[in-house]
Each structure stands twice: as C-alpha cells, then as structure tokens.
Amino acid sequence: MRPRLQNPLLIAALLLWATASAAANLVPSQVLGNTQQLNGQDISVIGVISFLKAGITPDGKPYQSFKLCDTNACLQVYTRDKSTYTEGKQVTVEGHFWAVRHEGATPHFNELVLDTD
C-alpha cells in the first residue's frame, strides 16, 4: 500500500520545491508570496524591469539594481554582472533569492541576487 499525503500544506510545499528546483520561471508575485520557502534558493524569475539604476559600491565595483514586476508585485533585483538592462523590457533572470540579506550593516529584504559570470 502506498502512503498518502494528506496534509495540503505539505503537498503545496513539495510542489513549490519541485517547481523551484526544476528552475521553472516564477513571476515576482509568486516569489513574494513564498519568501520563506524560497529563501536561499536559486530561482528563475520573469518580469518587466522598473526603477533601473546603476551605481558604484564603496569598494569601487559597479552594480545595477532594479525592480522586476508582474501585474501584482515587484521584486528587488541586485547584480554586479556586466549585462545591459533596459527599463520597461521583459526579461528572465536567474539568481539566488534572499528573504533577508545583509550587506555590511544594511539589511536588504526579499532580494534576488543575480548570478554573475
């Protein structure tokens, strides 16, 4: 006899884990609705770039940050890669999601840090 999964929360968590581990494209509202389950995971997210800005870190390294948005939510994205991003363009990005990430004394909440080559 096969064991039956009767806990709907467990079933949802297993489905979410399988989706994330298979690198399926999530949308920002899915990520933000499941921050604790996705914390520390490598994920792929599709959305539209908004609030694009470029800067220089205190140690002199260039970075870009932007919000990746769907119709319901926007996810903060941070990258030091050399890709050129465009405001208003739909993109798929892959990176490491953090519910909370500290950079020095500054906390960053619900942020996707893109993989760099």
Protein backbone atom coordinates (compact mmCIF):
# COMPACT_ATOMS: atom_id res chain seq x y z
CA MET A 1 0.00 0.00 0.00
CA ARG A 2 1.36 3.46 -0.95
CA PRO A 3 1.46 6.14 1.75
CA ARG A 4 -0.96 9.01 1.15
CA LEU A 5 -0.07 12.65 1.61
CA GLN A 6 -2.98 14.17 3.47
CA ASN A 7 -1.53 17.47 4.62
CA PRO A 8 -2.38 20.12 1.96
CA LEU A 9 0.35 22.43 3.26
CA LEU A 10 2.96 19.70 2.87
CA ILE A 11 1.71 18.93 -0.63
CA ALA A 12 1.89 22.63 -1.59
CA ALA A 13 5.42 22.90 -0.18
CA LEU A 14 6.55 19.83 -2.11
CA LEU A 15 5.06 21.18 -5.33
CA LEU A 16 6.71 24.55 -4.77
CA TRP A 17 10.06 22.90 -4.05
CA ALA A 18 9.77 20.79 -7.19
CA THR A 19 8.91 23.88 -9.25
CA ALA A 20 11.79 25.91 -7.86
CA SER A 21 14.29 23.08 -8.17
CA ALA A 22 13.29 22.49 -11.78
CA ALA A 23 14.16 26.16 -12.46
CA ALA A 24 10.70 26.93 -13.79
CA ASN A 25 10.14 30.62 -14.41
CA LEU A 26 8.35 32.18 -11.48
CA VAL A 27 6.77 35.64 -11.51
CA PRO A 28 7.54 38.20 -8.80
CA SER A 29 4.19 37.77 -7.02
CA GLN A 30 4.83 34.02 -6.69
CA VAL A 31 8.25 34.70 -5.16
CA LEU A 32 6.95 37.32 -2.74
CA GLY A 33 4.07 35.05 -1.76
CA ASN A 34 6.51 32.28 -0.79
CA THR A 35 9.54 34.09 0.63
CA GLN A 36 10.31 31.65 3.45
CA GLN A 37 10.05 28.58 1.20
CA LEU A 38 12.25 30.15 -1.48
CA ASN A 39 14.79 31.75 0.89
CA GLY A 40 18.31 30.70 -0.09
CA GLN A 41 17.17 29.04 -3.33
CA ASP A 42 18.39 29.54 -6.88
CA ILE A 43 15.36 30.60 -8.92
CA SER A 44 14.42 31.93 -12.33
CA VAL A 45 12.01 34.87 -12.48
CA ILE A 46 10.29 36.58 -15.41
CA GLY A 47 9.00 40.14 -15.29
CA VAL A 48 9.30 43.70 -16.53
CA ILE A 49 12.19 45.94 -15.42
CA SER A 50 11.26 49.08 -13.47
CA PHE A 51 13.24 51.62 -11.42
CA LEU A 52 16.56 50.67 -13.04
CA LYS A 53 19.60 52.31 -11.51
CA ALA A 54 23.34 51.84 -11.71
CA GLY A 55 25.88 52.66 -9.05
CA ILE A 56 29.30 52.00 -7.60
CA THR A 57 29.84 50.03 -4.39
CA PRO A 58 32.02 51.55 -1.63
CA ASP A 59 34.85 49.29 -2.83
CA GLY A 60 34.57 50.70 -6.37
CA LYS A 61 32.69 47.88 -8.13
CA PRO A 62 29.81 48.74 -10.49
CA TYR A 63 26.36 47.32 -9.81
CA GLN A 64 22.82 47.61 -11.08
CA SER A 65 19.57 47.30 -9.20
CA PHE A 66 16.00 47.29 -10.39
CA LYS A 67 12.55 46.03 -9.60
CA LEU A 68 11.27 43.09 -11.62
CA CYS A 69 7.50 43.42 -11.83
CA ASP A 70 4.41 41.48 -12.82
CA THR A 71 0.86 42.84 -12.66
CA ASN A 72 0.63 42.23 -8.88
CA ALA A 73 4.08 42.79 -7.34
CA CYS A 74 7.67 43.90 -7.82
CA LEU A 75 10.76 42.00 -6.67
CA GLN A 76 14.02 43.81 -5.87
CA VAL A 77 16.97 42.61 -8.02
CA TYR A 78 20.68 43.27 -7.49
CA THR A 79 23.52 42.40 -9.85
CA ARG A 80 27.19 43.06 -10.45
CA ASP A 81 27.18 41.37 -13.85
CA LYS A 82 28.02 43.31 -16.97
CA SER A 83 24.69 42.76 -18.71
CA THR A 84 22.86 45.76 -20.06
CA TYR A 85 19.32 46.01 -18.74
CA THR A 86 16.61 48.27 -20.18
CA GLU A 87 13.77 49.98 -18.34
CA GLY A 88 10.38 48.56 -19.39
CA LYS A 89 11.80 45.43 -21.02
CA GLN A 90 10.52 41.96 -20.13
CA VAL A 91 13.38 39.67 -19.06
CA THR A 92 14.01 36.34 -17.41
CA VAL A 93 16.75 36.41 -14.80
CA GLU A 94 18.32 33.69 -12.66
CA GLY A 95 19.76 34.22 -9.24
CA HIS A 96 19.79 33.48 -5.54
CA PHE A 97 16.77 34.67 -3.55
CA TRP A 98 17.18 36.01 -0.03
CA ALA A 99 14.31 36.87 2.33
CA VAL A 100 16.90 38.92 4.27
CA ARG A 101 20.44 39.67 3.09
CA HIS A 102 22.91 41.87 4.96
CA GLU A 103 25.47 43.97 3.15
CA GLY A 104 27.56 45.37 5.95
CA ALA A 105 25.10 46.80 8.46
CA THR A 106 22.40 47.33 5.82
CA PRO A 107 19.65 44.71 5.56
CA HIS A 108 18.05 44.01 2.18
CA PHE A 109 14.67 42.29 2.22
CA ASN A 110 13.20 39.97 -0.42
CA GLU A 111 16.00 40.42 -2.91
CA LEU A 112 17.12 38.37 -5.88
CA VAL A 113 20.90 38.49 -6.36
CA LEU A 114 21.71 37.59 -9.95
CA ASP A 115 24.34 35.06 -10.83
CA THR A 116 27.47 36.63 -12.23
CA ASP A 117 29.73 35.10 -14.84
